[in-house]
Amino acid sequence: MPLVQQPVDPPVEQREAPEGGSSNGSAASIGIAVEGAAGPPETKTYSLIKLSARQEVLDLMAKIYIEYQDQFGFWKQYQTKNNERDAYRTANARAQQTGKRHRIVDEGRRVLDIC
């Protein structure tokens, strides 16, 4: 059985453009030159968003704060949690035990729930 030569894809040259900022979420672009059968090489530019591994981990581990309302109506911080489900269980149990209002807020101090 004779060997059959498979067609080869046209050569592709990849080069990364110089970055204009730091590596904490800045956008970079990459240029790809493709040589076709007829005519000059064609260049296409694509945008890439670079996220550091640390930034992705911090986004996944958002802090949840449990606060209670004192007798004067001020909200006092009680505890910090990383799990929203656990924070709700803790706030709800403590609200029943103490008889005080508790709320769950995120890092931006937006109210998620009031127990």
Protein backbone atom coordinates (compact mmCIF):
# COMPACT_ATOMS: atom_id res chain seq x y z
CA MET A 1 0.00 0.00 0.00
CA PRO A 2 1.59 3.32 -1.03
CA LEU A 3 1.95 6.23 1.40
CA VAL A 4 -0.48 9.06 0.82
CA GLN A 5 0.70 12.50 1.82
CA GLN A 6 -1.91 14.48 3.71
CA PRO A 7 -2.39 18.16 2.80
CA VAL A 8 -0.64 20.49 5.24
CA ASP A 9 -2.30 23.56 6.72
CA PRO A 10 -0.75 26.90 5.70
CA PRO A 11 1.96 28.11 8.11
CA VAL A 12 0.69 30.28 10.95
CA GLU A 13 2.89 32.78 12.75
CA GLN A 14 1.83 33.94 16.21
CA ARG A 15 3.30 36.88 17.97
CA GLU A 16 2.07 38.65 21.05
CA ALA A 17 1.67 42.39 20.99
CA PRO A 18 3.38 44.43 23.73
CA GLU A 19 1.17 44.87 26.75
CA GLY A 20 0.09 48.34 27.72
CA GLY A 21 -0.46 47.76 31.43
CA SER A 22 -0.06 45.47 34.37
CA SER A 23 -1.26 41.88 34.54
CA ASN A 24 -4.23 42.53 36.83
CA GLY A 25 -7.06 42.44 34.32
CA SER A 26 -5.61 44.53 31.51
CA ALA A 27 -6.52 43.68 27.95
CA ALA A 28 -3.90 42.49 25.48
CA SER A 29 -4.16 41.68 21.81
CA ILE A 30 -2.58 39.00 19.70
CA GLY A 31 -1.89 39.23 15.98
CA ILE A 32 -2.05 36.14 13.81
CA ALA A 33 -0.65 36.20 10.28
CA VAL A 34 -1.96 33.53 7.92
CA GLU A 35 -0.37 32.94 4.55
CA GLY A 36 -2.87 31.91 1.93
CA ALA A 37 -2.31 30.24 -1.43
CA ALA A 38 -2.73 33.50 -3.32
CA GLY A 39 -1.92 37.03 -2.24
CA PRO A 40 -0.06 38.59 0.67
CA PRO A 41 -0.37 37.31 4.26
CA GLU A 42 -3.50 38.40 6.08
CA THR A 43 -3.32 39.61 9.70
CA LYS A 44 -6.19 39.35 12.16
CA THR A 45 -6.15 40.87 15.65
CA TYR A 46 -8.00 39.36 18.61
CA SER A 47 -8.47 40.91 22.08
CA LEU A 48 -7.64 38.86 25.15
CA ILE A 49 -8.50 39.62 28.75
CA LYS A 50 -5.88 38.46 31.20
CA LEU A 51 -6.92 37.67 34.75
CA SER A 52 -4.44 36.70 37.36
CA ALA A 53 -5.05 33.46 39.25
CA ARG A 54 -5.20 35.39 42.51
CA GLN A 55 -7.97 37.67 41.25
CA GLU A 56 -10.07 34.67 40.18
CA VAL A 57 -9.65 33.04 43.61
CA LEU A 58 -10.61 36.25 45.41
CA ASP A 59 -13.76 36.52 43.30
CA LEU A 60 -14.76 33.00 44.29
CA MET A 61 -14.08 33.57 47.98
CA ALA A 62 -16.27 36.60 48.63
CA LYS A 63 -16.67 37.61 52.26
CA ILE A 64 -20.10 37.57 53.85
CA TYR A 65 -20.65 39.59 57.01
CA ILE A 66 -23.21 38.80 59.72
CA GLU A 67 -24.45 41.85 61.60
CA TYR A 68 -26.96 42.31 64.40
CA GLN A 69 -29.05 45.32 65.38
CA ASP A 70 -28.47 46.65 68.89
CA GLN A 71 -31.06 48.27 71.17
CA PHE A 72 -30.40 51.70 69.63
CA GLY A 73 -30.97 50.57 66.03
CA PHE A 74 -27.31 50.48 64.97
CA TRP A 75 -25.93 47.50 63.05
CA LYS A 76 -22.90 45.88 64.71
CA GLN A 77 -20.69 43.34 62.96
CA TYR A 78 -20.84 39.91 64.56
CA GLN A 79 -18.94 37.51 62.31
CA THR A 80 -17.34 37.06 58.87
CA LYS A 81 -17.93 33.99 56.72
CA ASN A 82 -16.89 32.82 53.27
CA ASN A 83 -19.94 30.65 52.62
CA GLU A 84 -23.32 32.33 52.16
CA ARG A 85 -25.29 29.22 53.11
CA ASP A 86 -23.38 28.84 56.39
CA ALA A 87 -23.75 32.55 57.10
CA TYR A 88 -27.53 32.29 56.71
CA ARG A 89 -27.71 29.28 59.06
CA THR A 90 -25.58 31.05 61.68
CA ALA A 91 -27.50 34.33 61.47
CA ASN A 92 -30.87 32.61 61.61
CA ALA A 93 -29.92 30.45 64.61
CA ARG A 94 -28.44 33.41 66.51
CA ALA A 95 -31.49 35.58 65.73
CA GLN A 96 -33.74 32.95 67.32
CA GLN A 97 -31.45 32.55 70.35
CA THR A 98 -30.95 36.24 71.11
CA GLY A 99 -34.24 37.66 69.86
CA LYS A 100 -32.36 40.40 67.95
CA ARG A 101 -32.51 41.17 64.24
CA HIS A 102 -29.60 39.86 62.18
CA ARG A 103 -28.70 40.58 58.60
CA ILE A 104 -26.28 39.19 56.04
CA VAL A 105 -24.31 41.68 53.91
CA ASP A 106 -21.62 41.23 51.25
CA GLU A 107 -18.30 43.06 50.83
CA GLY A 108 -20.01 46.04 49.22
CA ARG A 109 -22.32 46.28 52.27
CA ARG A 110 -25.33 45.29 50.16
CA VAL A 111 -27.99 43.53 52.22
CA LEU A 112 -28.48 39.91 51.15
CA ASP A 113 -30.97 38.81 53.82
CA ILE A 114 -32.52 39.91 57.12
CA CYS A 115 -33.39 37.33 59.79
